[in-house]
Amino acid sequence: QAQLVESGGGLVEPGGSLRLSCVVSGFTLDEYDIGWFREVSGNEREAVSCITSSDGSTNYADSVRGRFTISKDYAKNTVFLQMNSLKPEDTAVYFCATDPACIGLGDYWGQGTQVTVSS
């Protein structure tokens, strides 16, 4: 059974950085494309970034391009989201999920990790 567990969220000041981790089990990172999503309470879940299983190609939402970097470590079965130059509008619950073809539709989901950007 596919499982994903996020960690690394927290409180950070504007301009700061955080690195989120998504540890997967029940499958390997060369089997599924993995996406990061975020949700602000009461709003739709937004696709943030994705990395493909085949060649590690990546994509990003316009709102985070140039600030966030997605990567993966096969040995650790982990996908990372490095978030730099954080803004208050990045505040959200961040989820990782399998995202076939990186089209922004999650399949198997983690439980989420809270990121708060505030001074």
Protein backbone atom coordinates (compact mmCIF):
# COMPACT_ATOMS: atom_id res chain seq x y z
CA GLN A 1 0.00 0.00 0.00
CA ALA A 2 1.36 3.40 -0.98
CA GLN A 3 2.12 5.69 1.95
CA LEU A 4 3.58 9.19 2.05
CA VAL A 5 4.68 11.06 5.18
CA GLU A 6 5.59 14.76 5.13
CA SER A 7 7.76 16.59 7.62
CA GLY A 8 9.76 19.78 7.89
CA GLY A 9 7.06 22.38 8.26
CA GLY A 10 7.16 25.11 10.86
CA LEU A 11 7.15 28.82 11.56
CA VAL A 12 9.60 30.97 9.62
CA GLU A 13 10.02 34.70 9.08
CA PRO A 14 9.48 36.26 5.66
CA GLY A 15 12.57 35.77 3.54
CA GLY A 16 13.49 32.60 5.37
CA SER A 17 13.82 29.02 4.17
CA LEU A 18 12.42 25.60 4.96
CA ARG A 19 12.99 22.17 3.49
CA LEU A 20 10.05 19.79 3.41
CA SER A 21 10.53 16.04 3.16
CA CYS A 22 8.16 13.40 1.84
CA VAL A 23 9.15 9.84 2.73
CA VAL A 24 7.37 7.25 0.63
CA SER A 25 6.81 3.54 1.21
CA GLY A 26 5.00 0.78 -0.61
CA PHE A 27 6.52 1.89 -3.91
CA THR A 28 9.74 3.34 -5.29
CA LEU A 29 10.40 6.79 -6.70
CA ASP A 30 10.96 5.39 -10.18
CA GLU A 31 7.39 4.11 -10.22
CA TYR A 32 5.37 7.25 -9.46
CA ASP A 33 5.55 10.94 -10.27
CA ILE A 34 5.39 12.90 -7.01
CA GLY A 35 3.82 16.30 -6.51
CA TRP A 36 3.74 18.87 -3.75
CA PHE A 37 0.46 20.66 -3.13
CA ARG A 38 -0.67 23.28 -0.65
CA GLU A 39 -3.97 24.25 0.85
CA VAL A 40 -5.06 27.37 2.65
CA SER A 41 -8.06 26.76 4.87
CA GLY A 42 -11.24 27.12 2.89
CA ASN A 43 -9.49 27.30 -0.46
CA GLU A 44 -8.79 24.77 -3.16
CA ARG A 45 -5.68 22.68 -2.97
CA GLU A 46 -3.01 24.16 -5.28
CA ALA A 47 -0.39 22.20 -7.17
CA VAL A 48 3.03 23.64 -6.29
CA SER A 49 5.60 21.41 -7.94
CA CYS A 50 6.11 17.96 -9.37
CA ILE A 51 8.96 15.62 -10.25
CA THR A 52 8.66 12.76 -12.70
CA SER A 53 9.54 9.16 -12.00
CA SER A 54 11.22 8.59 -15.35
CA ASP A 55 13.84 11.30 -15.78
CA GLY A 56 13.35 13.62 -12.82
CA SER A 57 11.86 16.42 -14.89
CA THR A 58 10.30 19.11 -12.75
CA ASN A 59 7.61 21.74 -12.98
CA TYR A 60 6.54 24.59 -10.75
CA ALA A 61 3.60 26.87 -10.19
CA ASP A 62 4.29 30.42 -11.35
CA SER A 63 3.91 31.63 -7.78
CA VAL A 64 6.92 29.61 -6.56
CA ARG A 65 9.15 29.29 -9.62
CA GLY A 66 12.65 30.52 -8.85
CA ARG A 67 12.13 30.20 -5.09
CA PHE A 68 11.23 26.54 -4.59
CA THR A 69 13.19 23.50 -5.75
CA ILE A 70 11.92 19.93 -5.84
CA SER A 71 14.33 17.00 -5.75
CA LYS A 72 14.44 13.35 -4.79
CA ASP A 73 16.79 10.87 -3.17
CA TYR A 74 16.21 7.33 -4.36
CA ALA A 75 18.27 5.77 -1.58
CA LYS A 76 16.15 7.49 1.06
CA ASN A 77 12.84 7.10 -0.79
CA THR A 78 12.35 10.79 -0.15
CA VAL A 79 11.20 13.77 -2.17
CA PHE A 80 12.25 17.21 -0.95
CA LEU A 81 10.85 20.68 -1.44
CA GLN A 82 13.41 23.36 -0.71
CA MET A 83 11.58 26.63 -0.12
CA ASN A 84 13.58 29.86 -0.15
CA SER A 85 12.61 33.52 0.04
CA LEU A 86 9.38 32.56 1.75
CA LYS A 87 6.49 34.99 1.73
CA PRO A 88 3.44 35.27 4.01
CA GLU A 89 1.29 34.08 1.11
CA ASP A 90 3.19 30.77 1.15
CA THR A 91 1.50 29.98 4.45
CA ALA A 92 -0.49 26.78 3.99
CA VAL A 93 -0.65 23.10 4.77
CA TYR A 94 1.71 21.35 2.35
CA PHE A 95 0.96 17.86 1.09
CA CYS A 96 2.88 15.44 -1.06
CA ALA A 97 1.05 12.99 -3.28
CA THR A 98 1.51 10.67 -6.17
CA ASP A 99 0.62 12.71 -9.23
CA PRO A 100 0.49 10.60 -12.38
CA ALA A 101 1.89 12.53 -15.35
CA CYS A 102 2.35 15.56 -13.08
CA ILE A 103 -0.98 17.00 -14.13
CA GLY A 104 -1.81 18.35 -10.69
CA LEU A 105 -4.25 15.68 -9.64
CA GLY A 106 -3.05 13.84 -6.56
CA ASP A 107 -3.77 10.18 -6.04
CA TYR A 108 -2.27 8.84 -2.81
CA TRP A 109 -1.80 11.61 -0.23
CA GLY A 110 0.25 12.27 2.85
CA GLN A 111 -1.21 13.85 5.98
CA GLY A 112 0.28 17.30 5.40
CA THR A 113 2.66 19.61 7.23
CA GLN A 114 1.92 23.19 8.27
CA VAL A 115 4.10 26.01 6.97
CA THR A 116 3.58 29.44 8.51
CA VAL A 117 5.46 32.48 7.23
CA SER A 118 5.09 35.36 9.64
CA SER A 119 7.12 37.94 11.50
